[in-house]
C-alpha atoms as a PDB file:
ATOM      1  CA  UNK A   1     -33.460  -5.573   3.220  1.00  0.00           C
ATOM      2  CA  UNK A   2     -34.621  -1.746   4.757  1.00  0.00           C
ATOM      3  CA  UNK A   3     -32.711   1.687   4.029  1.00  0.00           C
ATOM      4  CA  UNK A   4     -32.730   4.163   5.599  1.00  0.00           C
ATOM      5  CA  UNK A   5     -32.060   7.910   4.308  1.00  0.00           C
ATOM      6  CA  UNK A   6     -30.913  10.165   6.873  1.00  0.00           C
ATOM      7  CA  UNK A   7     -30.672  12.915   5.096  1.00  0.00           C
ATOM      8  CA  UNK A   8     -29.853  16.509   6.318  1.00  0.00           C
ATOM      9  CA  UNK A   9     -32.880  19.084   5.746  1.00  0.00           C
ATOM     10  CA  UNK A  10     -33.852  22.601   6.542  1.00  0.00           C
ATOM     11  CA  UNK A  11     -36.816  23.829   8.672  1.00  0.00           C
ATOM     12  CA  UNK A  12     -39.110  24.053   5.498  1.00  0.00           C
ATOM     13  CA  UNK A  13     -38.173  20.694   4.403  1.00  0.00           C
ATOM     14  CA  UNK A  14     -35.478  21.256   1.664  1.00  0.00           C
ATOM     15  CA  UNK A  15     -32.476  19.183   1.278  1.00  0.00           C
ATOM     16  CA  UNK A  16     -29.569  21.184   3.298  1.00  0.00           C
ATOM     17  CA  UNK A  17     -27.326  21.548   0.317  1.00  0.00           C
ATOM     18  CA  UNK A  18     -25.126  24.530   2.331  1.00  0.00           C
ATOM     19  CA  UNK A  19     -24.394  21.337   4.752  1.00  0.00           C
ATOM     20  CA  UNK A  20     -23.104  18.792   1.928  1.00  0.00           C
ATOM     21  CA  UNK A  21     -21.433  21.092  -0.143  1.00  0.00           C
ATOM     22  CA  UNK A  22     -19.264  22.373   3.445  1.00  0.00           C
ATOM     23  CA  UNK A  23     -18.543  18.307   3.566  1.00  0.00           C
ATOM     24  CA  UNK A  24     -17.274  18.357   0.171  1.00  0.00           C
ATOM     25  CA  UNK A  25     -15.491  21.276   0.461  1.00  0.00           C
ATOM     26  CA  UNK A  26     -13.706  19.906   3.217  1.00  0.00           C
ATOM     27  CA  UNK A  27     -13.167  17.015   1.389  1.00  0.00           C
ATOM     28  CA  UNK A  28     -11.532  18.118  -1.400  1.00  0.00           C
ATOM     29  CA  UNK A  29      -9.119  20.212   0.407  1.00  0.00           C
ATOM     30  CA  UNK A  30      -8.073  17.073   2.340  1.00  0.00           C
ATOM     31  CA  UNK A  31      -7.306  15.814  -0.997  1.00  0.00           C
ATOM     32  CA  UNK A  32      -5.481  18.552  -2.679  1.00  0.00           C
ATOM     33  CA  UNK A  33      -2.915  18.821   0.722  1.00  0.00           C
ATOM     34  CA  UNK A  34      -2.664  15.151   0.477  1.00  0.00           C
ATOM     35  CA  UNK A  35      -1.986  15.201  -3.504  1.00  0.00           C
ATOM     36  CA  UNK A  36       0.844  18.533  -2.709  1.00  0.00           C
ATOM     37  CA  UNK A  37       2.358  16.255   0.019  1.00  0.00           C
ATOM     38  CA  UNK A  38       2.686  13.244  -2.011  1.00  0.00           C
ATOM     39  CA  UNK A  39       3.886  15.349  -4.947  1.00  0.00           C
ATOM     40  CA  UNK A  40       6.690  16.949  -2.839  1.00  0.00           C
ATOM     41  CA  UNK A  41       7.699  13.440  -1.799  1.00  0.00           C
ATOM     42  CA  UNK A  42       8.041  12.501  -4.864  1.00  0.00           C
ATOM     43  CA  UNK A  43      10.204  15.389  -6.334  1.00  0.00           C
ATOM     44  CA  UNK A  44      12.335  14.746  -2.864  1.00  0.00           C
ATOM     45  CA  UNK A  45      12.715  11.479  -4.111  1.00  0.00           C
ATOM     46  CA  UNK A  46      13.548  12.053  -7.937  1.00  0.00           C
ATOM     47  CA  UNK A  47      16.274  14.858  -6.449  1.00  0.00           C
ATOM     48  CA  UNK A  48      17.858  12.302  -4.260  1.00  0.00           C
ATOM     49  CA  UNK A  49      17.808   9.824  -7.068  1.00  0.00           C
ATOM     50  CA  UNK A  50      19.284  12.468  -9.512  1.00  0.00           C
ATOM     51  CA  UNK A  51      22.250  13.514  -6.965  1.00  0.00           C
ATOM     52  CA  UNK A  52      22.947  10.332  -6.146  1.00  0.00           C
ATOM     53  CA  UNK A  53      23.427   9.535 -10.212  1.00  0.00           C
ATOM     54  CA  UNK A  54      25.753  12.590 -10.118  1.00  0.00           C
ATOM     55  CA  UNK A  55      27.892  11.525  -7.544  1.00  0.00           C
ATOM     56  CA  UNK A  56      27.903   7.777  -8.852  1.00  0.00           C
ATOM     57  CA  UNK A  57      29.099   8.968 -12.614  1.00  0.00           C
ATOM     58  CA  UNK A  58      31.813  11.445 -10.953  1.00  0.00           C
ATOM     59  CA  UNK A  59      32.892   8.124  -8.309  1.00  0.00           C
ATOM     60  CA  UNK A  60      33.392   5.921 -11.553  1.00  0.00           C
ATOM     61  CA  UNK A  61      35.735   8.989 -13.671  1.00  0.00           C
ATOM     62  CA  UNK A  62      39.030   8.126 -13.196  1.00  0.00           C
ATOM     63  CA  UNK A  63      41.459  10.283 -11.509  1.00  0.00           C
ATOM     64  CA  UNK A  64      45.005  11.357 -12.720  1.00  0.00           C
ATOM     65  CA  UNK A  65      47.714  10.219 -10.494  1.00  0.00           C
ATOM     66  CA  UNK A  66      51.280  12.335 -10.480  1.00  0.00           C
ATOM     67  CA  UNK A  67      51.777  13.335 -14.098  1.00  0.00           C
ATOM     68  CA  UNK A  68      49.899  11.200 -15.968  1.00  0.00           C
ATOM     69  CA  UNK A  69      46.482  11.681 -17.033  1.00  0.00           C
ATOM     70  CA  UNK A  70      43.668   9.844 -18.902  1.00  0.00           C
ATOM     71  CA  UNK A  71      42.249  11.947 -21.925  1.00  0.00           C
ATOM     72  CA  UNK A  72      40.164   9.795 -24.924  1.00  0.00           C
ATOM     73  CA  UNK A  73      41.124   6.629 -24.163  1.00  0.00           C
ATOM     74  CA  UNK A  74      44.777   7.122 -24.346  1.00  0.00           C
ATOM     75  CA  UNK A  75      46.988   7.491 -21.377  1.00  0.00           C
ATOM     76  CA  UNK A  76      49.355  10.654 -21.588  1.00  0.00           C
ATOM     77  CA  UNK A  77      52.658  10.876 -19.485  1.00  0.00           C
ATOM     78  CA  UNK A  78      54.058  14.484 -19.032  1.00  0.00           C
ATOM     79  CA  UNK A  79      57.569  12.842 -19.480  1.00  0.00           C
ATOM     80  CA  UNK A  80      56.284  12.295 -22.832  1.00  0.00           C
ATOM     81  CA  UNK A  81      54.823  15.335 -23.946  1.00  0.00           C
ATOM     82  CA  UNK A  82      57.865  17.174 -23.301  1.00  0.00           C
ATOM     83  CA  UNK A  83      60.527  14.832 -24.813  1.00  0.00           C
ATOM     84  CA  UNK A  84      61.457  16.607 -28.258  1.00  0.00           C
ATOM     85  CA  UNK A  85      60.664  14.154 -31.345  1.00  0.00           C
END
């Protein structure tokens, strides 16, 4: 098998490290941008899940109707509270 090494060199024959450094910097910058987008998307998903959880919990709380309230598992009617013993 023949392997070809295309190494970029300067006019004096040394390896052009600045060329490879610039390429690595560009790839690193792209990776950082992609990671930032992913992090922001994840934060948005977690925020939406939290809001959905809060709305679900609030929707499951029983509402009071008229003068009846539910407190600690007991049904309390306003008429019962106003009757003297």
